[in-house]
Amino acid sequence: MTVTVKVDDAGTLLAELLARVEAGEEIILSRGGEPVARMTAFAELLPATGDHRSAMDEILAARAELAPTTAGEIDHWKKMGRR
């Protein structure tokens, strides 16, 4: 089951929201009626084995295949944010 909660309310409800996520619910956080984040149980993000180290190894292997970010790209992204 998915529940939507306003970001402003999430802070005061955090303990309750975490308990609901641990029970299998998915929580969508919204600001101004637009979804901005999703809370889901961490175990759902892991491989079926639930092996955290294995998941981390997969992430690191995928990152190793990416080209390094250049200073020029970072500068370009900063300028894009100022528009």
C-alpha atoms as a PDB file:
ATOM      1  CA  MET A   1       0.000   0.000   0.000  1.00  0.00           C
ATOM      2  CA  THR A   2       1.284   3.487  -0.858  1.00  0.00           C
ATOM      3  CA  VAL A   3       0.551   6.513   1.316  1.00  0.00           C
ATOM      4  CA  THR A   4       1.303  10.156   0.465  1.00  0.00           C
ATOM      5  CA  VAL A   5       2.430  12.504   3.250  1.00  0.00           C
ATOM      6  CA  LYS A   6       3.256  16.206   3.072  1.00  0.00           C
ATOM      7  CA  VAL A   7       6.923  16.999   3.748  1.00  0.00           C
ATOM      8  CA  ASP A   8       5.846  19.478   6.435  1.00  0.00           C
ATOM      9  CA  ASP A   9       4.048  16.672   8.326  1.00  0.00           C
ATOM     10  CA  ALA A  10       6.734  14.026   7.843  1.00  0.00           C
ATOM     11  CA  GLY A  11       9.077  15.432  10.489  1.00  0.00           C
ATOM     12  CA  THR A  12       6.570  15.076  13.303  1.00  0.00           C
ATOM     13  CA  LEU A  13       5.404  11.690  12.008  1.00  0.00           C
ATOM     14  CA  LEU A  14       8.829  10.214  11.256  1.00  0.00           C
ATOM     15  CA  ALA A  15       8.750   7.412  13.851  1.00  0.00           C
ATOM     16  CA  GLU A  16       5.266   6.374  12.723  1.00  0.00           C
ATOM     17  CA  LEU A  17       6.226   6.561   9.042  1.00  0.00           C
ATOM     18  CA  LEU A  18       9.313   4.408   9.607  1.00  0.00           C
ATOM     19  CA  ALA A  19       7.228   1.809  11.427  1.00  0.00           C
ATOM     20  CA  ARG A  20       4.809   1.724   8.501  1.00  0.00           C
ATOM     21  CA  VAL A  21       7.687   1.355   6.016  1.00  0.00           C
ATOM     22  CA  GLU A  22       9.127  -1.494   8.079  1.00  0.00           C
ATOM     23  CA  ALA A  23       5.688  -3.124   7.940  1.00  0.00           C
ATOM     24  CA  GLY A  24       5.852  -3.076   4.132  1.00  0.00           C
ATOM     25  CA  GLU A  25       4.145   0.191   3.181  1.00  0.00           C
ATOM     26  CA  GLU A  26       5.621   2.690   0.767  1.00  0.00           C
ATOM     27  CA  ILE A  27       5.475   6.377   1.737  1.00  0.00           C
ATOM     28  CA  ILE A  28       5.575   9.164  -0.858  1.00  0.00           C
ATOM     29  CA  LEU A  29       6.629  12.575   0.460  1.00  0.00           C
ATOM     30  CA  SER A  30       5.083  15.501  -1.377  1.00  0.00           C
ATOM     31  CA  ARG A  31       5.614  19.249  -1.412  1.00  0.00           C
ATOM     32  CA  GLY A  32       2.918  21.456  -2.908  1.00  0.00           C
ATOM     33  CA  GLY A  33       1.060  18.390  -4.138  1.00  0.00           C
ATOM     34  CA  GLU A  34       4.088  17.155  -6.131  1.00  0.00           C
ATOM     35  CA  PRO A  35       5.928  13.958  -5.087  1.00  0.00           C
ATOM     36  CA  VAL A  36       9.545  14.657  -4.112  1.00  0.00           C
ATOM     37  CA  ALA A  37      10.750  11.486  -2.346  1.00  0.00           C
ATOM     38  CA  ARG A  38       9.854   7.882  -1.639  1.00  0.00           C
ATOM     39  CA  MET A  39      10.384   5.944   1.581  1.00  0.00           C
ATOM     40  CA  THR A  40      10.620   2.197   1.130  1.00  0.00           C
ATOM     41  CA  ALA A  41      12.128  -0.637   3.146  1.00  0.00           C
ATOM     42  CA  PHE A  42      15.850  -0.974   2.523  1.00  0.00           C
ATOM     43  CA  ALA A  43      15.533  -4.728   2.094  1.00  0.00           C
ATOM     44  CA  GLU A  44      13.509  -4.131  -1.088  1.00  0.00           C
ATOM     45  CA  LEU A  45      16.526  -2.434  -2.642  1.00  0.00           C
ATOM     46  CA  LEU A  46      18.864  -5.369  -2.015  1.00  0.00           C
ATOM     47  CA  PRO A  47      19.344  -8.461  -4.127  1.00  0.00           C
ATOM     48  CA  ALA A  48      17.085 -11.393  -3.259  1.00  0.00           C
ATOM     49  CA  THR A  49      19.823 -12.767  -0.999  1.00  0.00           C
ATOM     50  CA  GLY A  50      19.604  -9.681   1.245  1.00  0.00           C
ATOM     51  CA  ASP A  51      23.398  -9.526   1.165  1.00  0.00           C
ATOM     52  CA  HIS A  52      24.389  -5.886   1.749  1.00  0.00           C
ATOM     53  CA  ARG A  53      28.003  -6.438   0.750  1.00  0.00           C
ATOM     54  CA  SER A  54      26.934  -8.007  -2.539  1.00  0.00           C
ATOM     55  CA  ALA A  55      24.698  -5.028  -3.316  1.00  0.00           C
ATOM     56  CA  MET A  56      27.510  -2.600  -2.526  1.00  0.00           C
ATOM     57  CA  ASP A  57      29.927  -4.543  -4.729  1.00  0.00           C
ATOM     58  CA  GLU A  58      27.451  -4.294  -7.631  1.00  0.00           C
ATOM     59  CA  ILE A  59      27.120  -0.539  -7.144  1.00  0.00           C
ATOM     60  CA  LEU A  60      30.896  -0.029  -7.001  1.00  0.00           C
ATOM     61  CA  ALA A  61      31.389  -2.164 -10.122  1.00  0.00           C
ATOM     62  CA  ALA A  62      28.812  -0.099 -12.020  1.00  0.00           C
ATOM     63  CA  ARG A  63      30.446   3.155 -10.890  1.00  0.00           C
ATOM     64  CA  ALA A  64      33.871   1.902 -11.999  1.00  0.00           C
ATOM     65  CA  GLU A  65      32.580   1.679 -15.579  1.00  0.00           C
ATOM     66  CA  LEU A  66      31.555   5.358 -15.640  1.00  0.00           C
ATOM     67  CA  ALA A  67      33.834   8.006 -17.096  1.00  0.00           C
ATOM     68  CA  PRO A  68      35.202  10.397 -14.468  1.00  0.00           C
ATOM     69  CA  THR A  69      33.457  13.739 -14.132  1.00  0.00           C
ATOM     70  CA  THR A  70      35.522  16.642 -15.425  1.00  0.00           C
ATOM     71  CA  ALA A  71      35.874  20.064 -13.835  1.00  0.00           C
ATOM     72  CA  GLY A  72      34.281  21.523 -16.972  1.00  0.00           C
ATOM     73  CA  GLU A  73      31.166  19.372 -16.502  1.00  0.00           C
ATOM     74  CA  ILE A  74      30.845  20.439 -12.868  1.00  0.00           C
ATOM     75  CA  ASP A  75      31.205  24.099 -13.845  1.00  0.00           C
ATOM     76  CA  HIS A  76      28.569  23.653 -16.568  1.00  0.00           C
ATOM     77  CA  TRP A  77      26.122  22.048 -14.071  1.00  0.00           C
ATOM     78  CA  LYS A  78      26.645  24.911 -11.616  1.00  0.00           C
ATOM     79  CA  LYS A  79      25.825  27.434 -14.315  1.00  0.00           C
ATOM     80  CA  MET A  80      22.723  25.475 -15.332  1.00  0.00           C
ATOM     81  CA  GLY A  81      21.442  25.741 -11.767  1.00  0.00           C
ATOM     82  CA  ARG A  82      21.652  29.529 -11.892  1.00  0.00           C
ATOM     83  CA  ARG A  83      19.210  29.919 -14.768  1.00  0.00           C
END
